[in-house]
Structures are given as structure tokens and as C-alpha cells.
Amino acid sequence: NPEAAVSYSIRSSSRKKEEELKAQMV
């Protein structure tokens, strides 16, 4: 297989913690 993709839902009631999660994923 030459291509693959995955999707995630991120939910957060804290903008700060959401940015921390996104930074870790990146």
C-alpha cells in the first residue's frame, strides 16, 4: 500500500491543554 490515513477527534474544555496535546502529536 502506497497511501494510508488516520483521523482523530480532539476534545478539550481547556485551550491550553488542547495545544499541549496537539504539540505532542506533532
PDB file of all heavy atoms in Angstrom:
ATOM      1  N   ASN A   1       0.825  -1.220   0.000  1.00  0.00           N
ATOM      2  CA  ASN A   1       0.000   0.000   0.000  1.00  0.00           C
ATOM      3  C   ASN A   1       0.857   1.266   0.000  1.00  0.00           C
ATOM      4  O   ASN A   1       1.680   1.464   0.891  1.00  0.00           O
ATOM      5  CB  ASN A   1      -0.917   0.035   1.219  1.00  0.00           C
ATOM      6  CG  ASN A   1      -1.974  -1.046   1.161  1.00  0.00           C
ATOM      7  OD1 ASN A   1      -2.790  -1.067   0.252  1.00  0.00           O
ATOM      8  ND2 ASN A   1      -1.935  -1.961   2.122  1.00  0.00           N
ATOM      9  N   PRO A   2       0.636   2.145  -0.986  1.00  0.00           N
ATOM     10  CA  PRO A   2       1.431   3.378  -1.050  1.00  0.00           C
ATOM     11  C   PRO A   2       0.884   4.511  -0.196  1.00  0.00           C
ATOM     12  O   PRO A   2       1.595   5.480   0.068  1.00  0.00           O
ATOM     13  CB  PRO A   2       1.358   3.747  -2.532  1.00  0.00           C
ATOM     14  CG  PRO A   2       0.024   3.223  -2.969  1.00  0.00           C
ATOM     15  CD  PRO A   2      -0.215   1.967  -2.177  1.00  0.00           C
ATOM     16  N   GLU A   3      -0.396   4.414   0.225  1.00  0.00           N
ATOM     17  CA  GLU A   3      -1.015   5.505   0.989  1.00  0.00           C
ATOM     18  C   GLU A   3      -1.840   4.956   2.150  1.00  0.00           C
ATOM     19  O   GLU A   3      -2.447   3.880   2.053  1.00  0.00           O
ATOM     20  CB  GLU A   3      -1.918   6.362   0.093  1.00  0.00           C
ATOM     21  CG  GLU A   3      -1.185   7.103  -0.990  1.00  0.00           C
ATOM     22  CD  GLU A   3      -2.101   7.998  -1.815  1.00  0.00           C
ATOM     23  OE1 GLU A   3      -3.344   7.955  -1.589  1.00  0.00           O
ATOM     24  OE2 GLU A   3      -1.583   8.743  -2.667  1.00  0.00           O
ATOM     25  N   ALA A   4      -1.859   5.739   3.221  1.00  0.00           N
ATOM     26  CA  ALA A   4      -2.697   5.401   4.385  1.00  0.00           C
ATOM     27  C   ALA A   4      -3.019   6.687   5.133  1.00  0.00           C
ATOM     28  O   ALA A   4      -2.286   7.679   5.039  1.00  0.00           O
ATOM     29  CB  ALA A   4      -1.978   4.428   5.305  1.00  0.00           C
ATOM     30  N   ALA A   5      -4.145   6.683   5.833  1.00  0.00           N
ATOM     31  CA  ALA A   5      -4.559   7.877   6.594  1.00  0.00           C
ATOM     32  C   ALA A   5      -5.290   7.455   7.854  1.00  0.00           C
ATOM     33  O   ALA A   5      -5.875   6.364   7.927  1.00  0.00           O
ATOM     34  CB  ALA A   5      -5.450   8.767   5.735  1.00  0.00           C
ATOM     35  N   VAL A   6      -5.255   8.339   8.826  1.00  0.00           N
ATOM     36  CA  VAL A   6      -5.968   8.099  10.082  1.00  0.00           C
ATOM     37  C   VAL A   6      -6.545   9.430  10.566  1.00  0.00           C
ATOM     38  O   VAL A   6      -5.956  10.493  10.339  1.00  0.00           O
ATOM     39  CB  VAL A   6      -5.039   7.484  11.158  1.00  0.00           C
ATOM     40  CG1 VAL A   6      -3.892   8.416  11.492  1.00  0.00           C
ATOM     41  CG2 VAL A   6      -5.815   7.119  12.428  1.00  0.00           C
ATOM     42  N   SER A   7      -7.720   9.374  11.211  1.00  0.00           N
ATOM     43  CA  SER A   7      -8.334  10.587  11.761  1.00  0.00           C
ATOM     44  C   SER A   7      -8.527  10.439  13.263  1.00  0.00           C
ATOM     45  O   SER A   7      -8.765   9.340  13.763  1.00  0.00           O
ATOM     46  CB  SER A   7      -9.687  10.850  11.086  1.00  0.00           C
ATOM     47  OG  SER A   7     -10.589   9.783  11.342  1.00  0.00           O
ATOM     48  N   TYR A   8      -8.426  11.557  13.956  1.00  0.00           N
ATOM     49  CA  TYR A   8      -8.625  11.612  15.402  1.00  0.00           C
ATOM     50  C   TYR A   8      -9.573  12.760  15.743  1.00  0.00           C
ATOM     51  O   TYR A   8      -9.571  13.805  15.063  1.00  0.00           O
ATOM     52  CB  TYR A   8      -7.302  11.879  16.129  1.00  0.00           C
ATOM     53  CG  TYR A   8      -6.367  10.704  16.246  1.00  0.00           C
ATOM     54  CD1 TYR A   8      -5.457  10.414  15.235  1.00  0.00           C
ATOM     55  CD2 TYR A   8      -6.375   9.897  17.384  1.00  0.00           C
ATOM     56  CE1 TYR A   8      -4.581   9.339  15.336  1.00  0.00           C
ATOM     57  CE2 TYR A   8      -5.497   8.817  17.497  1.00  0.00           C
ATOM     58  CZ  TYR A   8      -4.617   8.545  16.479  1.00  0.00           C
ATOM     59  OH  TYR A   8      -3.743   7.476  16.590  1.00  0.00           O
ATOM     60  N   SER A   9     -10.347  12.564  16.783  1.00  0.00           N
ATOM     61  CA  SER A   9     -11.094  13.690  17.345  1.00  0.00           C
ATOM     62  C   SER A   9     -10.389  14.139  18.614  1.00  0.00           C
ATOM     63  O   SER A   9     -10.018  13.320  19.459  1.00  0.00           O
ATOM     64  CB  SER A   9     -12.542  13.300  17.668  1.00  0.00           C
ATOM     65  OG  SER A   9     -12.591  12.355  18.723  1.00  0.00           O
ATOM     66  N   ILE A  10     -10.181  15.441  18.702  1.00  0.00           N
ATOM     67  CA  ILE A  10      -9.593  16.042  19.909  1.00  0.00           C
ATOM     68  C   ILE A  10     -10.682  16.873  20.565  1.00  0.00           C
ATOM     69  O   ILE A  10     -11.323  17.697  19.914  1.00  0.00           O
ATOM     70  CB  ILE A  10      -8.389  16.930  19.553  1.00  0.00           C
ATOM     71  CG1 ILE A  10      -7.255  16.069  18.982  1.00  0.00           C
ATOM     72  CG2 ILE A  10      -7.910  17.724  20.766  1.00  0.00           C
ATOM     73  CD1 ILE A  10      -6.098  16.884  18.439  1.00  0.00           C
ATOM     74  N   ARG A  11     -10.912  16.639  21.840  1.00  0.00           N
ATOM     75  CA  ARG A  11     -11.904  17.406  22.597  1.00  0.00           C
ATOM     76  C   ARG A  11     -11.239  17.979  23.842  1.00  0.00           C
ATOM     77  O   ARG A  11     -10.484  17.273  24.518  1.00  0.00           O
ATOM     78  CB  ARG A  11     -13.094  16.528  23.006  1.00  0.00           C
ATOM     79  CG  ARG A  11     -13.874  15.963  21.823  1.00  0.00           C
ATOM     80  CD  ARG A  11     -15.073  15.147  22.284  1.00  0.00           C
ATOM     81  NE  ARG A  11     -15.763  14.521  21.181  1.00  0.00           N
ATOM     82  CZ  ARG A  11     -16.720  15.089  20.458  1.00  0.00           C
ATOM     83  NH1 ARG A  11     -17.091  16.326  20.736  1.00  0.00           N
ATOM     84  NH2 ARG A  11     -17.304  14.438  19.470  1.00  0.00           N
ATOM     85  N   SER A  12     -11.540  19.241  24.136  1.00  0.00           N
ATOM     86  CA  SER A  12     -10.932  19.861  25.313  1.00  0.00           C
ATOM     87  C   SER A  12     -11.714  21.088  25.746  1.00  0.00           C
ATOM     88  O   SER A  12     -12.126  21.894  24.919  1.00  0.00           O
ATOM     89  CB  SER A  12      -9.481  20.258  25.022  1.00  0.00           C
ATOM     90  OG  SER A  12      -8.891  20.816  26.182  1.00  0.00           O
ATOM     91  N   SER A  13     -11.910  21.210  27.048  1.00  0.00           N
ATOM     92  CA  SER A  13     -12.520  22.428  27.593  1.00  0.00           C
ATOM     93  C   SER A  13     -11.447  23.395  28.083  1.00  0.00           C
ATOM     94  O   SER A  13     -11.745  24.373  28.757  1.00  0.00           O
ATOM     95  CB  SER A  13     -13.494  22.088  28.727  1.00  0.00           C
ATOM     96  OG  SER A  13     -12.875  21.289  29.706  1.00  0.00           O
ATOM     97  N   SER A  14     -10.201  23.113  27.740  1.00  0.00           N
ATOM     98  CA  SER A  14      -9.078  23.992  28.055  1.00  0.00           C
ATOM     99  C   SER A  14      -8.248  24.197  26.793  1.00  0.00           C
ATOM    100  O   SER A  14      -7.685  23.242  26.247  1.00  0.00           O
ATOM    101  CB  SER A  14      -8.199  23.386  29.150  1.00  0.00           C
ATOM    102  OG  SER A  14      -6.940  24.039  29.214  1.00  0.00           O
ATOM    103  N   ARG A  15      -8.185  25.421  26.333  1.00  0.00           N
ATOM    104  CA  ARG A  15      -7.386  25.724  25.141  1.00  0.00           C
ATOM    105  C   ARG A  15      -5.917  25.372  25.390  1.00  0.00           C
ATOM    106  O   ARG A  15      -5.238  24.829  24.507  1.00  0.00           O
ATOM    107  CB  ARG A  15      -7.536  27.206  24.795  1.00  0.00           C
ATOM    108  CG  ARG A  15      -6.738  27.655  23.601  1.00  0.00           C
ATOM    109  CD  ARG A  15      -7.311  27.181  22.288  1.00  0.00           C
ATOM    110  NE  ARG A  15      -8.501  27.897  21.908  1.00  0.00           N
ATOM    111  CZ  ARG A  15      -9.171  27.650  20.788  1.00  0.00           C
ATOM    112  NH1 ARG A  15      -8.756  26.697  19.966  1.00  0.00           N
ATOM    113  NH2 ARG A  15     -10.264  28.340  20.487  1.00  0.00           N
ATOM    114  N   LYS A  16      -5.421  25.661  26.586  1.00  0.00           N
ATOM    115  CA  LYS A  16      -4.018  25.388  26.916  1.00  0.00           C
ATOM    116  C   LYS A  16      -3.702  23.902  26.806  1.00  0.00           C
ATOM    117  O   LYS A  16      -2.693  23.509  26.200  1.00  0.00           O
ATOM    118  CB  LYS A  16      -3.711  25.888  28.331  1.00  0.00           C
ATOM    119  CG  LYS A  16      -2.276  25.628  28.771  1.00  0.00           C
ATOM    120  CD  LYS A  16      -2.055  26.102  30.205  1.00  0.00           C
ATOM    121  CE  LYS A  16      -0.635  25.756  30.665  1.00  0.00           C
ATOM    122  NZ  LYS A  16      -0.406  26.155  32.081  1.00  0.00           N
ATOM    123  N   LYS A  17      -4.567  23.065  27.383  1.00  0.00           N
ATOM    124  CA  LYS A  17      -4.314  21.624  27.361  1.00  0.00           C
ATOM    125  C   LYS A  17      -4.490  21.054  25.957  1.00  0.00           C
ATOM    126  O   LYS A  17      -3.792  20.101  25.566  1.00  0.00           O
ATOM    127  CB  LYS A  17      -5.229  20.916  28.355  1.00  0.00           C
ATOM    128  CG  LYS A  17      -4.884  21.192  29.809  1.00  0.00           C
ATOM    129  CD  LYS A  17      -3.470  20.717  30.138  1.00  0.00           C
ATOM    130  CE  LYS A  17      -3.067  21.040  31.555  1.00  0.00           C
ATOM    131  NZ  LYS A  17      -1.679  20.629  31.859  1.00  0.00           N
ATOM    132  N   GLU A  18      -5.406  21.625  25.190  1.00  0.00           N
ATOM    133  CA  GLU A  18      -5.557  21.176  23.802  1.00  0.00           C
ATOM    134  C   GLU A  18      -4.289  21.459  23.003  1.00  0.00           C
ATOM    135  O   GLU A  18      -3.825  20.616  22.225  1.00  0.00           O
ATOM    136  CB  GLU A  18      -6.747  21.861  23.134  1.00  0.00           C
ATOM    137  CG  GLU A  18      -6.909  21.466  21.670  1.00  0.00           C
ATOM    138  CD  GLU A  18      -8.175  21.992  21.025  1.00  0.00           C
ATOM    139  OE1 GLU A  18      -9.138  22.311  21.758  1.00  0.00           O
ATOM    140  OE2 GLU A  18      -8.206  22.073  19.788  1.00  0.00           O
ATOM    141  N   GLU A  19      -3.710  22.624  23.221  1.00  0.00           N
ATOM    142  CA  GLU A  19      -2.481  22.971  22.498  1.00  0.00           C
ATOM    143  C   GLU A  19      -1.334  22.063  22.920  1.00  0.00           C
ATOM    144  O   GLU A  19      -0.478  21.702  22.096  1.00  0.00           O
ATOM    145  CB  GLU A  19      -2.127  24.441  22.734  1.00  0.00           C
ATOM    146  CG  GLU A  19      -3.097  25.418  22.081  1.00  0.00           C
ATOM    147  CD  GLU A  19      -3.252  25.195  20.586  1.00  0.00           C
ATOM    148  OE1 GLU A  19      -2.236  24.951  19.902  1.00  0.00           O
ATOM    149  OE2 GLU A  19      -4.409  25.251  20.097  1.00  0.00           O
ATOM    150  N   GLU A  20      -1.312  21.676  24.205  1.00  0.00           N
ATOM    151  CA  GLU A  20      -0.279  20.744  24.669  1.00  0.00           C
ATOM    152  C   GLU A  20      -0.422  19.392  23.981  1.00  0.00           C
ATOM    153  O   GLU A  20       0.578  18.770  23.568  1.00  0.00           O
ATOM    154  CB  GLU A  20      -0.371  20.566  26.187  1.00  0.00           C
ATOM    155  CG  GLU A  20       0.099  21.766  26.983  1.00  0.00           C
ATOM    156  CD  GLU A  20      -0.018  21.551  28.488  1.00  0.00           C
ATOM    157  OE1 GLU A  20      -0.240  20.387  28.914  1.00  0.00           O
ATOM    158  OE2 GLU A  20       0.096  22.536  29.243  1.00  0.00           O
ATOM    159  N   LEU A  21      -1.667  18.912  23.864  1.00  0.00           N
ATOM    160  CA  LEU A  21      -1.919  17.635  23.194  1.00  0.00           C
ATOM    161  C   LEU A  21      -1.521  17.701  21.722  1.00  0.00           C
ATOM    162  O   LEU A  21      -0.839  16.805  21.208  1.00  0.00           O
ATOM    163  CB  LEU A  21      -3.404  17.273  23.324  1.00  0.00           C
ATOM    164  CG  LEU A  21      -3.901  16.087  22.493  1.00  0.00           C
ATOM    165  CD1 LEU A  21      -3.125  14.821  22.808  1.00  0.00           C
ATOM    166  CD2 LEU A  21      -5.397  15.874  22.722  1.00  0.00           C
ATOM    167  N   LYS A  22      -1.909  18.763  21.058  1.00  0.00           N
ATOM    168  CA  LYS A  22      -1.576  18.913  19.637  1.00  0.00           C
ATOM    169  C   LYS A  22      -0.060  18.978  19.433  1.00  0.00           C
ATOM    170  O   LYS A  22       0.482  18.378  18.489  1.00  0.00           O
ATOM    171  CB  LYS A  22      -2.260  20.155  19.064  1.00  0.00           C
ATOM    172  CG  LYS A  22      -3.760  19.988  18.896  1.00  0.00           C
ATOM    173  CD  LYS A  22      -4.493  21.306  18.779  1.00  0.00           C
ATOM    174  CE  LYS A  22      -4.186  22.067  17.536  1.00  0.00           C
ATOM    175  NZ  LYS A  22      -4.996  23.315  17.436  1.00  0.00           N
ATOM    176  N   ALA A  23       0.610  19.687  20.323  1.00  0.00           N
ATOM    177  CA  ALA A  23       2.070  19.797  20.218  1.00  0.00           C
ATOM    178  C   ALA A  23       2.732  18.426  20.380  1.00  0.00           C
ATOM    179  O   ALA A  23       3.707  18.101  19.678  1.00  0.00           O
ATOM    180  CB  ALA A  23       2.605  20.768  21.270  1.00  0.00           C
ATOM    181  N   GLN A  24       2.202  17.613  21.294  1.00  0.00           N
ATOM    182  CA  GLN A  24       2.752  16.270  21.493  1.00  0.00           C
ATOM    183  C   GLN A  24       2.536  15.410  20.244  1.00  0.00           C
ATOM    184  O   GLN A  24       3.442  14.693  19.811  1.00  0.00           O
ATOM    185  CB  GLN A  24       2.086  15.596  22.694  1.00  0.00           C
ATOM    186  CG  GLN A  24       2.676  14.235  23.029  1.00  0.00           C
ATOM    187  CD  GLN A  24       2.003  13.584  24.217  1.00  0.00           C
ATOM    188  OE1 GLN A  24       1.379  12.540  24.096  1.00  0.00           O
ATOM    189  NE2 GLN A  24       2.119  14.209  25.381  1.00  0.00           N
ATOM    190  N   MET A  25       1.341  15.524  19.655  1.00  0.00           N
ATOM    191  CA  MET A  25       1.051  14.746  18.448  1.00  0.00           C
ATOM    192  C   MET A  25       1.963  15.172  17.291  1.00  0.00           C
ATOM    193  O   MET A  25       2.491  14.333  16.558  1.00  0.00           O
ATOM    194  CB  MET A  25      -0.419  14.897  18.059  1.00  0.00           C
ATOM    195  CG  MET A  25      -1.380  14.286  19.063  1.00  0.00           C
ATOM    196  SD  MET A  25      -3.126  14.542  18.630  1.00  0.00           S
ATOM    197  CE  MET A  25      -3.311  13.381  17.264  1.00  0.00           C
ATOM    198  N   VAL A  26       2.147  16.474  17.143  1.00  0.00           N
ATOM    199  CA  VAL A  26       3.023  16.991  16.087  1.00  0.00           C
ATOM    200  C   VAL A  26       4.453  16.484  16.286  1.00  0.00           C
ATOM    201  O   VAL A  26       5.119  16.066  15.327  1.00  0.00           O
ATOM    202  CB  VAL A  26       2.999  18.534  16.064  1.00  0.00           C
ATOM    203  CG1 VAL A  26       4.130  19.076  15.191  1.00  0.00           C
ATOM    204  CG2 VAL A  26       1.655  19.031  15.547  1.00  0.00           C
TER     205      VAL A  26
END
